[in-house]
Amino acid sequence: MRFGLALVLWTGCFHPTTASGVPCAGNGDCPSGQTCDLATTICMTGTPTGIDAPRSTDGAIDAPPIQCALGCPASEPVCDPGSTTCRGCIADVECPSLACVEFQGRCAAETEVVYVTPTGTGDCTKLSPCGLNNAGNRVTATRSIIRLADGTYADQLRTMNGPSKPTVIVSGEDLDPAGATIATTNGASVVCDGITVLEGFTVTAATGDGIRPSNNLTAFRMFIHDTNQAGIDVVGGTVHLYDSTIARAKLRGIYMNNGGTLDLQRSQIFNSSAGGIFANNALVTITSSVIAENGNGSTTGGIELVGALPGSHLAFVTLANNAAVSSKVGGLESDAPVPVDSSIVSMNGIPGLCGTCDATYTMFGLVSPSGTGNFTGMPMFVGAGDYHIKPTSPARGMAAPVGNPPDDLDGEHRPLGNAPDCGADEIP
């Protein structure tokens, strides 16, 4: 795939499986064959050693396809007309209830769903949808999926489910976040209390933060842009951000001042005025993602970690064109050791990486710190605002020979050559 940085919305072929990574409070919240890891409040297959995000929607099928003639199970309810095999749903129109949970690839029952439209005034049913301002109040233990019809919403969404109530899933009509847009002028656009999943819609023009979670949040295929404060202001808990973009926040793209955990995969944060990511006493892991053009030279640049917890690391990250105040490092600033592996660190000033960082198999623009496999060179990005690399890039085939993630920023398989490429993009 090839998309410009500002336009990555991840359309394409979808081959969903029963994904790990679903938030949970107990085993009853998890798909068949999975259990709830209470340490991370995430559904896992087998014995978890870490959080396994759902594969990007352009990833390979993980199990043999089921022929439609045999009957499609609830986990793969749609018969694909081209292949005559079963697959997960990718859009609401594929489900009788008009409610597909794309994160899981399943069709929700109508009784599970709170139906919302921009002009709704009804009781939140399929035949009589309500407005966004009433949606959170309609959530119950058995009715916890808020389905957003396409269109623009001026109200704030509050999922005040509380830590003892069920996971709330807020879902757009399909995988394209451009369909439904929340553009409120009443503070933060989305306020989440309790375990929440947001998927497939846009948050923009908030007078406050874009999204403010106070407990565990999973955001999948979201586009958060042009917020007056932070893109995501993490009040507490764990945040998983997959296949999403945060752009042009007037403060930081992601702000975490109260600890917590951030898991960022196949996502982009760019052009946020006060910096890409700020995290205080948090566990931060970033994989196959782009952090670019953040900071205005007066505060945080790309990433600033204060008291980063053990286990924090960056792998296959493109960290480029970020600018911090002169007393801080423009790319990654950290006062604690943070491993950086198989990444591109370029045009963030000198040095681009903190002195406490331990870089390996990473490309640097002008000055390369000591470390196995580190080297210097020009990354040869495709163009302005597009941080894919050209086929002739010296980053090609130079990443760590083992331990790479299964896919890149676009969901393309990694590696595609003899060895994986450094940075977020794998050259096809």
Protein backbone atom coordinates (compact mmCIF):
# COMPACT_ATOMS: atom_id res chain seq x y z
CA MET A 1 0.00 0.00 0.00
CA ARG A 2 1.06 3.57 -0.48
CA PHE A 3 -0.70 6.45 1.20
CA GLY A 4 0.31 9.97 2.18
CA LEU A 5 0.80 10.49 5.90
CA ALA A 6 -2.23 12.71 6.39
CA LEU A 7 -4.52 10.43 4.46
CA VAL A 8 -3.86 7.00 5.92
CA LEU A 9 -7.30 5.62 6.78
CA TRP A 10 -6.54 1.97 6.13
CA THR A 11 -9.08 0.84 3.61
CA GLY A 12 -8.45 -2.45 1.85
CA CYS A 13 -9.06 -6.18 2.04
CA PHE A 14 -10.14 -7.55 5.40
CA HIS A 15 -9.56 -11.11 6.50
CA PRO A 16 -10.53 -11.03 10.17
CA THR A 17 -9.93 -13.83 12.59
CA THR A 18 -11.04 -14.15 16.19
CA ALA A 19 -8.61 -11.54 17.43
CA SER A 20 -6.90 -11.34 20.75
CA GLY A 21 -6.79 -7.86 22.26
CA VAL A 22 -10.48 -7.53 23.15
CA PRO A 23 -10.87 -5.68 26.49
CA CYS A 24 -12.51 -7.70 29.24
CA ALA A 25 -13.49 -7.80 32.89
CA GLY A 26 -13.89 -11.59 33.01
CA ASN A 27 -13.82 -14.69 30.80
CA GLY A 28 -17.43 -14.12 29.79
CA ASP A 29 -16.40 -11.02 27.83
CA CYS A 30 -14.00 -12.99 25.60
CA PRO A 31 -14.54 -14.83 22.29
CA SER A 32 -14.70 -18.62 22.34
CA GLY A 33 -11.35 -20.22 23.14
CA GLN A 34 -9.92 -17.12 24.84
CA THR A 35 -9.55 -16.11 28.47
CA CYS A 36 -9.39 -12.76 30.21
CA ASP A 37 -5.90 -11.81 31.38
CA LEU A 38 -6.83 -9.88 34.51
CA ALA A 39 -3.43 -8.20 34.66
CA THR A 40 -4.04 -6.42 31.38
CA THR A 41 -7.86 -6.77 31.18
CA ILE A 42 -7.39 -8.09 27.63
CA CYS A 43 -8.69 -11.34 26.07
CA MET A 44 -5.85 -13.65 25.14
CA THR A 45 -5.39 -16.99 23.38
CA GLY A 46 -3.33 -19.43 25.42
CA THR A 47 -1.01 -18.25 28.16
CA PRO A 48 -0.34 -14.55 27.54
CA THR A 49 3.18 -13.21 27.57
CA GLY A 50 2.08 -9.77 26.42
CA ILE A 51 -0.72 -8.02 24.60
CA ASP A 52 -1.35 -9.39 21.12
CA ALA A 53 -3.07 -6.73 19.07
CA PRO A 54 -5.52 -7.72 16.37
CA ARG A 55 -3.75 -8.21 13.09
CA SER A 56 -4.04 -5.38 10.64
CA THR A 57 -6.92 -5.87 8.25
CA ASP A 58 -4.54 -6.47 5.39
CA GLY A 59 -2.79 -9.26 7.29
CA ALA A 60 -2.84 -12.88 6.25
CA ILE A 61 -5.54 -15.33 7.22
CA ASP A 62 -4.34 -17.25 10.27
CA ALA A 63 -6.50 -20.37 9.88
CA PRO A 64 -7.80 -22.43 6.93
CA PRO A 65 -10.94 -20.81 5.48
CA ILE A 66 -14.34 -22.34 6.16
CA GLN A 67 -16.38 -23.14 3.05
CA CYS A 68 -19.79 -21.41 3.01
CA ALA A 69 -21.48 -24.69 2.12
CA LEU A 70 -20.58 -25.99 5.56
CA GLY A 71 -22.36 -23.06 7.23
CA CYS A 72 -20.68 -19.95 8.60
CA PRO A 73 -20.08 -19.74 12.37
CA ALA A 74 -20.85 -16.67 14.49
CA SER A 75 -17.15 -15.77 14.56
CA GLU A 76 -17.11 -15.59 10.71
CA PRO A 77 -20.72 -14.86 9.82
CA VAL A 78 -20.35 -13.58 6.24
CA CYS A 79 -20.10 -15.71 3.11
CA ASP A 80 -17.65 -13.98 0.81
CA PRO A 81 -19.10 -14.21 -2.72
CA GLY A 82 -15.71 -14.17 -4.39
CA SER A 83 -14.09 -17.01 -2.47
CA THR A 84 -17.29 -18.76 -1.22
CA THR A 85 -15.61 -18.96 2.18
CA CYS A 86 -16.69 -17.54 5.52
CA ARG A 87 -15.16 -14.40 6.96
CA GLY A 88 -15.81 -11.83 9.63
CA CYS A 89 -18.02 -8.87 8.88
CA ILE A 90 -16.37 -5.61 7.86
CA ALA A 91 -19.41 -3.32 7.63
CA ASP A 92 -22.80 -2.92 9.29
CA VAL A 93 -24.67 -3.63 6.06
CA GLU A 94 -23.38 -7.21 6.16
CA CYS A 95 -25.32 -7.91 9.37
CA PRO A 96 -29.09 -8.38 9.82
CA SER A 97 -28.87 -6.14 12.88
CA LEU A 98 -27.01 -3.44 10.90
CA ALA A 99 -24.32 -3.67 13.60
CA CYS A 100 -20.93 -5.23 12.87
CA VAL A 101 -18.22 -5.16 15.54
CA GLU A 102 -15.34 -4.84 13.11
CA PHE A 103 -12.74 -5.25 15.85
CA GLN A 104 -14.02 -8.81 16.34
CA GLY A 105 -15.52 -9.43 12.88
CA ARG A 106 -18.85 -10.46 14.37
CA CYS A 107 -22.44 -9.38 13.82
CA ALA A 108 -24.02 -8.11 17.03
CA ALA A 109 -27.56 -9.07 17.97
CA GLU A 110 -30.04 -6.22 17.68
CA THR A 111 -30.72 -6.45 21.43
CA GLU A 112 -27.05 -5.68 22.13
CA VAL A 113 -27.06 -2.38 20.27
CA VAL A 114 -27.79 1.26 21.07
CA TYR A 115 -28.56 2.79 17.66
CA VAL A 116 -27.50 6.42 17.15
CA THR A 117 -27.89 8.87 14.25
CA PRO A 118 -26.98 12.56 14.01
CA THR A 119 -30.66 13.58 14.03
CA GLY A 120 -32.06 10.76 16.18
CA THR A 121 -34.72 11.51 18.81
CA GLY A 122 -36.08 8.03 19.52
CA ASP A 123 -35.43 5.28 22.06
CA CYS A 124 -32.13 4.10 20.54
CA THR A 125 -33.56 1.07 18.75
CA LYS A 126 -32.89 0.07 15.16
CA LEU A 127 -36.23 1.49 14.00
CA SER A 128 -36.10 4.54 16.28
CA PRO A 129 -32.50 5.66 16.83
CA CYS A 130 -31.54 8.29 19.36
CA GLY A 131 -29.05 11.15 19.39
CA LEU A 132 -25.49 10.89 20.65
CA ASN A 133 -26.24 12.76 23.88
CA ASN A 134 -28.59 9.97 25.01
CA ALA A 135 -26.47 7.00 23.94
CA GLY A 136 -24.35 6.56 27.07
CA ASN A 137 -27.41 6.52 29.32
CA ARG A 138 -28.87 3.56 27.40
CA VAL A 139 -25.94 1.22 28.04
CA THR A 140 -26.78 -1.82 30.18
CA ALA A 141 -25.09 -5.10 31.00
CA THR A 142 -26.62 -6.70 27.89
CA ARG A 143 -26.87 -3.66 25.63
CA SER A 144 -23.40 -2.20 25.44
CA ILE A 145 -22.63 -1.56 21.75
CA ILE A 146 -23.19 2.01 20.56
CA ARG A 147 -23.58 2.03 16.78
CA LEU A 148 -22.82 5.37 15.12
CA ALA A 149 -24.48 5.91 11.77
CA ASP A 150 -22.52 7.93 9.24
CA GLY A 151 -22.74 11.69 9.59
CA THR A 152 -21.50 14.50 11.82
CA TYR A 153 -22.34 14.71 15.52
CA ALA A 154 -22.12 17.97 17.47
CA ASP A 155 -22.71 16.42 20.91
CA GLN A 156 -20.21 14.96 23.36
CA LEU A 157 -20.10 11.18 23.77
CA ARG A 158 -19.79 9.98 27.37
CA THR A 159 -19.43 6.25 28.00
CA MET A 160 -19.89 6.44 31.77
CA ASN A 161 -20.02 2.69 32.24
CA GLY A 162 -17.85 2.56 35.37
CA PRO A 163 -15.28 -0.10 36.25
CA SER A 164 -17.88 -2.65 37.43
CA LYS A 165 -20.06 -2.42 34.30
CA PRO A 166 -19.59 -4.10 30.90
CA THR A 167 -17.16 -3.16 28.17
CA VAL A 168 -18.71 -0.48 25.96
CA ILE A 169 -18.01 -0.69 22.23
CA VAL A 170 -18.59 2.46 20.15
CA SER A 171 -18.54 1.52 16.48
CA GLY A 172 -18.84 3.33 13.17
CA GLU A 173 -20.59 1.75 10.18
CA ASP A 174 -17.45 0.19 8.71
CA LEU A 175 -13.65 0.20 8.77
CA ASP A 176 -13.36 3.68 7.25
CA PRO A 177 -13.24 6.29 10.04
CA ALA A 178 -14.37 9.02 7.64
CA GLY A 179 -18.02 7.90 7.85
CA ALA A 180 -19.03 9.06 11.33
CA THR A 181 -17.49 12.20 12.83
CA ILE A 182 -17.82 13.61 16.35
CA ALA A 183 -17.08 17.34 16.24
CA THR A 184 -18.23 18.84 19.53
CA THR A 185 -17.62 22.35 20.87
CA ASN A 186 -18.33 21.17 24.42
CA GLY A 187 -14.92 20.26 25.81
CA ALA A 188 -13.60 16.75 25.13
CA SER A 189 -15.35 14.94 22.30
CA VAL A 190 -15.30 11.49 23.90
CA VAL A 191 -15.11 10.87 27.67
CA CYS A 192 -14.61 7.22 28.67
CA ASP A 193 -15.06 5.80 32.17
CA GLY A 194 -14.50 2.05 32.38
CA ILE A 195 -13.33 -0.39 29.72
CA THR A 196 -14.14 1.03 26.30
CA VAL A 197 -13.51 0.12 22.66
CA LEU A 198 -13.72 2.82 19.98
CA GLU A 199 -13.59 1.74 16.35
CA GLY A 200 -14.05 3.20 12.90
CA PHE A 201 -14.93 6.88 13.35
CA THR A 202 -13.39 10.35 13.44
CA VAL A 203 -12.96 12.76 16.34
CA THR A 204 -12.20 16.36 15.38
CA ALA A 205 -12.50 20.05 16.28
CA ALA A 206 -12.85 19.40 20.01
CA THR A 207 -12.51 22.52 22.13
CA GLY A 208 -10.83 20.28 24.71
CA ASP A 209 -9.15 16.90 24.28
CA GLY A 210 -10.23 14.55 21.53
CA ILE A 211 -10.59 11.49 23.77
CA ARG A 212 -10.21 11.38 27.56
CA PRO A 213 -10.12 7.84 28.99
CA SER A 214 -9.99 7.28 32.75
CA ASN A 215 -9.80 3.49 32.54
CA ASN A 216 -8.79 0.97 29.87
CA LEU A 217 -9.32 2.02 26.25
CA THR A 218 -8.80 0.27 22.92
CA ALA A 219 -8.99 2.51 19.84
CA PHE A 220 -9.02 0.74 16.46
CA ARG A 221 -9.00 2.48 13.07
CA MET A 222 -9.65 5.91 14.54
CA PHE A 223 -8.81 9.32 13.07
CA ILE A 224 -8.31 12.01 15.73
CA HIS A 225 -7.35 15.40 14.41
CA ASP A 226 -7.37 19.18 14.94
CA THR A 227 -8.21 19.08 18.65
CA ASN A 228 -7.74 22.19 20.76
CA GLN A 229 -5.84 20.28 23.44
CA ALA A 230 -4.45 16.70 23.39
CA GLY A 231 -5.52 14.14 20.85
CA ILE A 232 -5.83 11.59 23.67
CA ASP A 233 -5.47 12.69 27.32
CA VAL A 234 -4.95 9.51 29.33
CA VAL A 235 -6.28 10.11 32.85
CA GLY A 236 -5.54 6.52 33.87
CA GLY A 237 -5.47 2.87 32.84
CA THR A 238 -4.20 1.19 29.71
CA VAL A 239 -4.57 2.54 26.18
CA HIS A 240 -4.17 0.36 23.09
CA LEU A 241 -4.09 2.33 19.83
CA TYR A 242 -4.14 0.24 16.66
CA ASP A 243 -4.22 1.26 12.98
CA SER A 244 -5.08 4.86 13.88
CA THR A 245 -3.93 8.42 13.20
CA ILE A 246 -3.61 11.43 15.51
CA ALA A 247 -2.92 14.67 13.67
CA ARG A 248 -2.57 18.38 14.38
CA ALA A 249 -3.40 18.43 18.08
CA LYS A 250 -2.72 21.91 19.45
CA LEU A 251 -1.08 20.32 22.48
CA ARG A 252 0.34 16.79 22.51
CA GLY A 253 -0.86 13.93 20.38
CA ILE A 254 -0.98 11.65 23.44
CA TYR A 255 -0.62 13.00 26.98
CA MET A 256 -0.13 10.67 29.96
CA ASN A 257 0.73 12.50 33.17
CA ASN A 258 -0.65 9.97 35.66
CA GLY A 259 1.13 6.77 34.75
CA GLY A 260 -0.57 3.92 32.95
CA THR A 261 0.28 1.86 29.89
CA LEU A 262 0.41 2.85 26.21
CA ASP A 263 0.50 0.21 23.47
CA LEU A 264 0.81 1.87 20.04
CA GLN A 265 0.82 -0.33 16.94
CA ARG A 266 0.60 0.45 13.21
CA SER A 267 -0.39 4.04 13.93
CA GLN A 268 0.74 7.60 13.21
CA ILE A 269 1.10 10.72 15.32
CA PHE A 270 2.10 13.82 13.45
CA ASN A 271 2.10 17.62 13.44
CA SER A 272 1.00 18.05 17.07
CA SER A 273 2.21 21.43 18.28
CA ALA A 274 3.40 20.57 21.80
CA GLY A 275 4.86 17.18 20.88
CA GLY A 276 3.87 13.71 19.75
CA ILE A 277 3.79 11.76 23.02
CA PHE A 278 4.40 12.77 26.64
CA ALA A 279 4.28 10.03 29.27
CA ASN A 280 5.11 10.27 32.98
CA ASN A 281 5.85 7.08 34.96
CA ALA A 282 4.24 4.94 32.27
CA LEU A 283 4.93 1.74 30.37
CA VAL A 284 5.19 2.72 26.71
CA THR A 285 5.60 0.31 23.79
CA ILE A 286 5.52 1.53 20.19
CA THR A 287 5.71 -0.78 17.15
CA SER A 288 5.44 -0.27 13.37
CA SER A 289 4.39 3.36 13.80
CA VAL A 290 5.33 6.83 12.57
CA ILE A 291 5.98 9.76 14.93
CA ALA A 292 6.74 12.75 12.72
CA GLU A 293 6.59 16.54 12.43
CA ASN A 294 5.68 17.06 16.08
CA GLY A 295 6.74 19.90 18.36
CA ASN A 296 7.35 23.53 17.57
CA GLY A 297 10.82 23.82 19.10
CA SER A 298 9.56 25.06 22.46
CA THR A 299 8.52 21.86 24.26
CA THR A 300 8.41 18.07 23.64
CA GLY A 301 9.49 16.90 20.20
CA GLY A 302 8.56 13.42 19.02
CA ILE A 303 8.41 11.53 22.32
CA GLU A 304 9.21 12.54 25.90
CA LEU A 305 9.25 9.86 28.59
CA VAL A 306 9.71 10.78 32.25
CA GLY A 307 10.46 7.85 34.52
CA ALA A 308 9.68 5.29 31.82
CA LEU A 309 8.81 1.96 33.41
CA PRO A 310 10.84 -1.20 32.68
CA GLY A 311 9.56 -2.89 29.55
CA SER A 312 9.13 0.36 27.63
CA HIS A 313 10.58 0.09 24.13
CA LEU A 314 10.36 1.21 20.50
CA ALA A 315 10.67 -1.25 17.61
CA PHE A 316 10.29 -0.62 13.86
CA VAL A 317 9.37 3.02 14.46
CA THR A 318 9.96 5.95 12.11
CA LEU A 319 10.86 8.99 14.21
CA ALA A 320 11.43 11.94 11.90
CA ASN A 321 11.27 15.73 11.57
CA ASN A 322 10.36 16.39 15.20
CA ALA A 323 11.54 19.53 17.02
CA ALA A 324 11.99 20.07 20.77
CA VAL A 325 13.22 22.91 22.96
CA SER A 326 17.03 23.12 22.87
CA SER A 327 17.40 21.55 26.33
CA LYS A 328 15.65 18.37 25.18
CA VAL A 329 16.22 15.72 22.53
CA GLY A 330 14.04 16.20 19.46
CA GLY A 331 13.34 12.57 18.63
CA LEU A 332 13.09 10.56 21.86
CA GLU A 333 13.80 12.20 25.22
CA SER A 334 13.96 9.88 28.24
CA ASP A 335 15.60 9.98 31.66
CA ALA A 336 15.47 6.18 31.96
CA PRO A 337 16.88 3.46 29.70
CA VAL A 338 14.63 2.68 26.71
CA PRO A 339 15.58 0.11 24.04
CA VAL A 340 15.09 1.25 20.42
CA ASP A 341 15.30 -1.46 17.80
CA SER A 342 15.16 -1.56 13.98
CA SER A 343 13.94 2.02 13.66
CA ILE A 344 14.64 5.16 11.64
CA VAL A 345 15.67 8.25 13.63
CA SER A 346 16.15 11.12 11.21
CA MET A 347 16.01 14.94 11.08
CA ASN A 348 15.14 15.44 14.75
CA GLY A 349 18.21 17.54 15.55
CA ILE A 350 21.43 16.27 17.10
CA PRO A 351 21.27 14.11 19.06
CA GLY A 352 18.00 12.62 17.88
CA LEU A 353 17.93 10.03 20.63
CA CYS A 354 18.42 10.26 24.39
CA GLY A 355 21.73 9.26 25.93
CA THR A 356 19.97 6.66 28.09
CA CYS A 357 18.44 4.96 25.04
CA ASP A 358 19.90 1.68 23.86
CA ALA A 359 19.62 1.60 20.06
CA THR A 360 20.30 -1.44 17.87
CA TYR A 361 19.85 -2.01 14.11
CA THR A 362 18.66 1.58 13.77
CA MET A 363 19.34 4.14 11.04
CA PHE A 364 20.40 7.66 12.05
CA GLY A 365 20.74 10.70 9.86
CA LEU A 366 24.19 12.09 10.66
CA VAL A 367 25.51 10.70 13.93
CA SER A 368 25.01 7.09 14.97
CA PRO A 369 25.43 6.04 18.61
CA SER A 370 27.27 2.84 19.40
CA GLY A 371 25.16 -0.29 19.29
CA THR A 372 24.84 -3.49 17.27
CA GLY A 373 23.73 -2.84 13.71
CA ASN A 374 23.38 0.96 13.99
CA PHE A 375 24.31 2.97 10.91
CA THR A 376 23.90 6.39 9.28
CA GLY A 377 22.28 7.41 6.02
CA MET A 378 19.42 9.27 4.41
CA PRO A 379 16.20 7.25 4.77
CA MET A 380 14.86 8.33 1.35
CA PHE A 381 11.24 8.86 2.28
CA VAL A 382 8.75 8.80 -0.58
CA GLY A 383 7.95 12.52 -0.31
CA ALA A 384 6.87 15.41 1.88
CA GLY A 385 4.50 14.13 4.53
CA ASP A 386 4.86 10.52 3.34
CA TYR A 387 7.19 8.47 5.53
CA HIS A 388 7.15 5.29 3.51
CA ILE A 389 10.63 4.55 2.18
CA LYS A 390 11.67 4.16 -1.43
CA PRO A 391 12.90 0.79 -2.75
CA THR A 392 16.42 2.23 -2.93
CA SER A 393 16.47 3.30 0.74
CA PRO A 394 19.53 2.14 2.70
CA ALA A 395 17.10 1.16 5.46
CA ARG A 396 16.00 -1.78 3.33
CA GLY A 397 16.93 -5.15 4.79
CA MET A 398 18.89 -3.60 7.68
CA ALA A 399 16.61 -4.35 10.64
CA ALA A 400 17.28 -6.99 13.28
CA PRO A 401 17.28 -10.40 11.56
CA VAL A 402 14.92 -11.95 14.14
CA GLY A 403 12.08 -10.79 16.34
CA ASN A 404 10.29 -8.56 13.85
CA PRO A 405 6.52 -7.91 14.12
CA PRO A 406 4.40 -9.80 11.54
CA ASP A 407 3.28 -6.70 9.61
CA ASP A 408 4.18 -3.08 8.96
CA LEU A 409 2.34 0.24 9.20
CA ASP A 410 0.07 -0.66 6.28
CA GLY A 411 -0.56 -4.25 7.40
CA GLU A 412 1.79 -5.66 4.79
CA HIS A 413 3.69 -8.78 5.76
CA ARG A 414 7.13 -8.33 7.30
CA PRO A 415 9.67 -9.27 6.05
CA LEU A 416 8.97 -9.15 2.32
CA GLY A 417 12.61 -9.64 1.37
CA ASN A 418 15.50 -11.59 2.80
CA ALA A 419 15.54 -9.41 5.91
CA PRO A 420 13.11 -6.84 7.40
CA ASP A 421 13.44 -3.12 6.74
CA CYS A 422 14.13 -0.52 9.42
CA GLY A 423 11.29 1.79 10.42
CA ALA A 424 7.52 1.57 10.20
CA ASP A 425 7.32 0.69 6.49
CA GLU A 426 8.25 -2.58 4.82
CA ILE A 427 9.02 -2.12 1.12
CA PRO A 428 6.76 -4.40 -0.97
